[in-house]
Amino acid sequence: MSTSAARRRATAWAVVGVVLAFALVYGVRVAWLFMMATEGDVPVSSSVQLPSGATIVSEKKDCANGGCWVVLRVEPPEDQSAEDLAATLGATPQLQIAGNFVDPRTISVQAHPVGRILELRLDYWSQKWVP
């Protein structure tokens, strides 16, 4: 066997080893997120894509029996009402945001208009709303 063929074979095995190592690390991370999840886990506020002009007025973590959630108070753009912003986000009555590669957990978003302000409640544990 020539040295170039041996070198290609060694390179291929090294690439396979690196890919398997990354897959193992990612699998352990995902398993850790699901198995070690606590009631205190809450999504980050940046997981909701707000339209331009909408601003987050406040962000607060609340907890009760069964889990915790983040409450975002969002002021809609000048030409939009809180109800229209909720409809734009698709959170009437609930929005499910699929997880991403880093955190594959689904985020549940519920919208509650309070006057001019829209309150968004984000959590990992709410079930999908069924009418």
C-alpha atoms as a PDB file:
ATOM      1  CA  MET A   1       0.000   0.000   0.000  1.00  0.00           C
ATOM      2  CA  SER A   2       1.366   3.428  -0.882  1.00  0.00           C
ATOM      3  CA  THR A   3       1.871   6.164   1.667  1.00  0.00           C
ATOM      4  CA  SER A   4      -0.649   8.452  -0.054  1.00  0.00           C
ATOM      5  CA  ALA A   5      -3.397   5.817   0.272  1.00  0.00           C
ATOM      6  CA  ALA A   6      -2.490   5.287   3.929  1.00  0.00           C
ATOM      7  CA  ARG A   7      -2.556   9.042   4.490  1.00  0.00           C
ATOM      8  CA  ARG A   8      -6.024   9.325   2.876  1.00  0.00           C
ATOM      9  CA  ARG A   9      -7.299   6.459   5.005  1.00  0.00           C
ATOM     10  CA  ALA A  10      -5.894   8.060   8.176  1.00  0.00           C
ATOM     11  CA  THR A  11      -7.444  11.406   7.221  1.00  0.00           C
ATOM     12  CA  ALA A  12     -10.819   9.768   6.595  1.00  0.00           C
ATOM     13  CA  TRP A  13     -10.731   8.047   9.985  1.00  0.00           C
ATOM     14  CA  ALA A  14      -9.757  11.320  11.657  1.00  0.00           C
ATOM     15  CA  VAL A  15     -12.688  13.119  10.028  1.00  0.00           C
ATOM     16  CA  VAL A  16     -15.071  10.320  11.048  1.00  0.00           C
ATOM     17  CA  GLY A  17     -13.706  10.496  14.605  1.00  0.00           C
ATOM     18  CA  VAL A  18     -14.203  14.268  14.821  1.00  0.00           C
ATOM     19  CA  VAL A  19     -17.757  14.042  13.448  1.00  0.00           C
ATOM     20  CA  LEU A  20     -18.631  11.278  15.915  1.00  0.00           C
ATOM     21  CA  ALA A  21     -17.121  13.280  18.786  1.00  0.00           C
ATOM     22  CA  PHE A  22     -19.218  16.342  17.871  1.00  0.00           C
ATOM     23  CA  ALA A  23     -22.346  14.172  17.553  1.00  0.00           C
ATOM     24  CA  LEU A  24     -21.691  12.653  20.969  1.00  0.00           C
ATOM     25  CA  VAL A  25     -21.160  16.049  22.611  1.00  0.00           C
ATOM     26  CA  TYR A  26     -24.328  17.422  20.988  1.00  0.00           C
ATOM     27  CA  GLY A  27     -26.339  14.356  22.020  1.00  0.00           C
ATOM     28  CA  VAL A  28     -25.158  14.704  25.612  1.00  0.00           C
ATOM     29  CA  ARG A  29     -26.081  18.432  25.584  1.00  0.00           C
ATOM     30  CA  VAL A  30     -29.602  17.763  24.270  1.00  0.00           C
ATOM     31  CA  ALA A  31     -30.106  14.929  26.744  1.00  0.00           C
ATOM     32  CA  TRP A  32     -28.881  17.221  29.545  1.00  0.00           C
ATOM     33  CA  LEU A  33     -31.358  19.948  28.535  1.00  0.00           C
ATOM     34  CA  PHE A  34     -34.302  17.548  28.660  1.00  0.00           C
ATOM     35  CA  MET A  35     -33.319  15.332  31.597  1.00  0.00           C
ATOM     36  CA  MET A  36     -31.992  18.086  33.860  1.00  0.00           C
ATOM     37  CA  ALA A  37     -34.725  20.603  33.057  1.00  0.00           C
ATOM     38  CA  THR A  38     -36.148  22.273  36.116  1.00  0.00           C
ATOM     39  CA  GLU A  39     -39.255  24.321  36.756  1.00  0.00           C
ATOM     40  CA  GLY A  40     -36.990  27.371  36.892  1.00  0.00           C
ATOM     41  CA  ASP A  41     -35.866  27.145  33.265  1.00  0.00           C
ATOM     42  CA  VAL A  42     -37.189  30.057  31.204  1.00  0.00           C
ATOM     43  CA  PRO A  43     -36.607  31.090  27.588  1.00  0.00           C
ATOM     44  CA  VAL A  44     -34.635  34.202  26.718  1.00  0.00           C
ATOM     45  CA  SER A  45     -36.574  37.255  25.589  1.00  0.00           C
ATOM     46  CA  SER A  46     -34.709  37.366  22.275  1.00  0.00           C
ATOM     47  CA  SER A  47     -36.458  34.157  21.209  1.00  0.00           C
ATOM     48  CA  VAL A  48     -39.493  36.249  20.165  1.00  0.00           C
ATOM     49  CA  GLN A  49     -38.923  38.128  16.918  1.00  0.00           C
ATOM     50  CA  LEU A  50     -40.660  41.480  17.376  1.00  0.00           C
ATOM     51  CA  PRO A  51     -41.516  43.657  14.373  1.00  0.00           C
ATOM     52  CA  SER A  52     -39.559  46.869  13.905  1.00  0.00           C
ATOM     53  CA  GLY A  53     -40.865  49.677  16.082  1.00  0.00           C
ATOM     54  CA  ALA A  54     -41.987  47.369  18.901  1.00  0.00           C
ATOM     55  CA  THR A  55     -39.994  47.794  22.097  1.00  0.00           C
ATOM     56  CA  ILE A  56     -39.698  45.702  25.231  1.00  0.00           C
ATOM     57  CA  VAL A  57     -40.717  47.937  28.138  1.00  0.00           C
ATOM     58  CA  SER A  58     -39.980  45.417  30.903  1.00  0.00           C
ATOM     59  CA  GLU A  59     -38.974  41.829  31.452  1.00  0.00           C
ATOM     60  CA  LYS A  60     -39.796  39.866  34.594  1.00  0.00           C
ATOM     61  CA  LYS A  61     -39.439  36.235  35.653  1.00  0.00           C
ATOM     62  CA  ASP A  62     -42.433  34.852  37.551  1.00  0.00           C
ATOM     63  CA  CYS A  63     -42.864  31.467  39.170  1.00  0.00           C
ATOM     64  CA  ALA A  64     -45.767  29.543  40.619  1.00  0.00           C
ATOM     65  CA  ASN A  65     -46.712  25.943  41.227  1.00  0.00           C
ATOM     66  CA  GLY A  66     -45.607  23.945  38.225  1.00  0.00           C
ATOM     67  CA  GLY A  67     -43.022  26.210  36.676  1.00  0.00           C
ATOM     68  CA  CYS A  68     -41.573  29.583  35.802  1.00  0.00           C
ATOM     69  CA  TRP A  69     -42.054  31.895  32.853  1.00  0.00           C
ATOM     70  CA  VAL A  70     -40.856  35.229  31.546  1.00  0.00           C
ATOM     71  CA  VAL A  71     -43.319  38.107  31.186  1.00  0.00           C
ATOM     72  CA  LEU A  72     -42.384  40.642  28.530  1.00  0.00           C
ATOM     73  CA  ARG A  73     -44.278  43.913  28.402  1.00  0.00           C
ATOM     74  CA  VAL A  74     -44.050  45.097  24.798  1.00  0.00           C
ATOM     75  CA  GLU A  75     -45.070  48.481  23.448  1.00  0.00           C
ATOM     76  CA  PRO A  76     -46.265  48.138  19.839  1.00  0.00           C
ATOM     77  CA  PRO A  77     -45.297  50.588  17.092  1.00  0.00           C
ATOM     78  CA  GLU A  78     -47.260  53.854  16.982  1.00  0.00           C
ATOM     79  CA  ASP A  79     -49.558  52.705  14.173  1.00  0.00           C
ATOM     80  CA  GLN A  80     -50.457  49.378  15.792  1.00  0.00           C
ATOM     81  CA  SER A  81     -52.603  48.306  18.731  1.00  0.00           C
ATOM     82  CA  ALA A  82     -51.634  45.607  21.238  1.00  0.00           C
ATOM     83  CA  GLU A  83     -54.230  43.273  19.705  1.00  0.00           C
ATOM     84  CA  ASP A  84     -52.806  43.846  16.214  1.00  0.00           C
ATOM     85  CA  LEU A  85     -49.280  43.165  17.482  1.00  0.00           C
ATOM     86  CA  ALA A  86     -50.460  39.883  19.030  1.00  0.00           C
ATOM     87  CA  ALA A  87     -52.033  38.927  15.697  1.00  0.00           C
ATOM     88  CA  THR A  88     -48.855  39.917  13.825  1.00  0.00           C
ATOM     89  CA  LEU A  89     -46.794  37.693  16.106  1.00  0.00           C
ATOM     90  CA  GLY A  90     -49.286  34.862  15.680  1.00  0.00           C
ATOM     91  CA  ALA A  91     -49.827  34.662  19.430  1.00  0.00           C
ATOM     92  CA  THR A  92     -53.616  34.718  19.390  1.00  0.00           C
ATOM     93  CA  PRO A  93     -54.159  32.841  21.599  1.00  0.00           C
ATOM     94  CA  GLN A  94     -50.806  31.005  21.629  1.00  0.00           C
ATOM     95  CA  LEU A  95     -47.644  30.770  19.561  1.00  0.00           C
ATOM     96  CA  GLN A  96     -45.322  27.760  19.557  1.00  0.00           C
ATOM     97  CA  ILE A  97     -41.714  28.624  18.649  1.00  0.00           C
ATOM     98  CA  ALA A  98     -39.710  25.607  17.572  1.00  0.00           C
ATOM     99  CA  GLY A  99     -36.366  25.153  19.229  1.00  0.00           C
ATOM    100  CA  ASN A 100     -33.085  25.681  17.446  1.00  0.00           C
ATOM    101  CA  PHE A 101     -29.852  23.708  17.165  1.00  0.00           C
ATOM    102  CA  VAL A 102     -28.459  25.065  20.445  1.00  0.00           C
ATOM    103  CA  ASP A 103     -31.673  24.642  22.469  1.00  0.00           C
ATOM    104  CA  PRO A 104     -34.216  22.329  20.791  1.00  0.00           C
ATOM    105  CA  ARG A 105     -36.959  22.869  23.405  1.00  0.00           C
ATOM    106  CA  THR A 106     -40.227  24.363  22.124  1.00  0.00           C
ATOM    107  CA  ILE A 107     -41.174  27.766  23.526  1.00  0.00           C
ATOM    108  CA  SER A 108     -44.796  28.590  24.252  1.00  0.00           C
ATOM    109  CA  VAL A 109     -45.816  32.265  23.916  1.00  0.00           C
ATOM    110  CA  GLN A 110     -49.153  33.581  25.171  1.00  0.00           C
ATOM    111  CA  ALA A 111     -50.270  37.147  24.460  1.00  0.00           C
ATOM    112  CA  HIS A 112     -52.458  39.281  26.729  1.00  0.00           C
ATOM    113  CA  PRO A 113     -53.258  42.883  25.697  1.00  0.00           C
ATOM    114  CA  VAL A 114     -53.311  45.267  28.669  1.00  0.00           C
ATOM    115  CA  GLY A 115     -54.366  48.646  27.339  1.00  0.00           C
ATOM    116  CA  ARG A 116     -51.704  49.907  24.935  1.00  0.00           C
ATOM    117  CA  ILE A 117     -49.155  47.314  26.160  1.00  0.00           C
ATOM    118  CA  LEU A 118     -48.962  43.670  25.070  1.00  0.00           C
ATOM    119  CA  GLU A 119     -47.873  41.203  27.735  1.00  0.00           C
ATOM    120  CA  LEU A 120     -46.151  38.126  26.372  1.00  0.00           C
ATOM    121  CA  ARG A 121     -45.662  35.092  28.588  1.00  0.00           C
ATOM    122  CA  LEU A 122     -42.875  32.727  27.483  1.00  0.00           C
ATOM    123  CA  ASP A 123     -42.295  29.272  28.933  1.00  0.00           C
ATOM    124  CA  TYR A 124     -41.102  25.793  28.035  1.00  0.00           C
ATOM    125  CA  TRP A 125     -43.823  23.742  29.678  1.00  0.00           C
ATOM    126  CA  SER A 126     -47.255  24.944  28.460  1.00  0.00           C
ATOM    127  CA  GLN A 127     -49.180  22.514  26.335  1.00  0.00           C
ATOM    128  CA  LYS A 128     -50.407  23.512  22.896  1.00  0.00           C
ATOM    129  CA  TRP A 129     -53.699  25.400  23.118  1.00  0.00           C
ATOM    130  CA  VAL A 130     -56.627  23.486  21.665  1.00  0.00           C
ATOM    131  CA  PRO A 131     -59.949  25.289  21.152  1.00  0.00           C
END
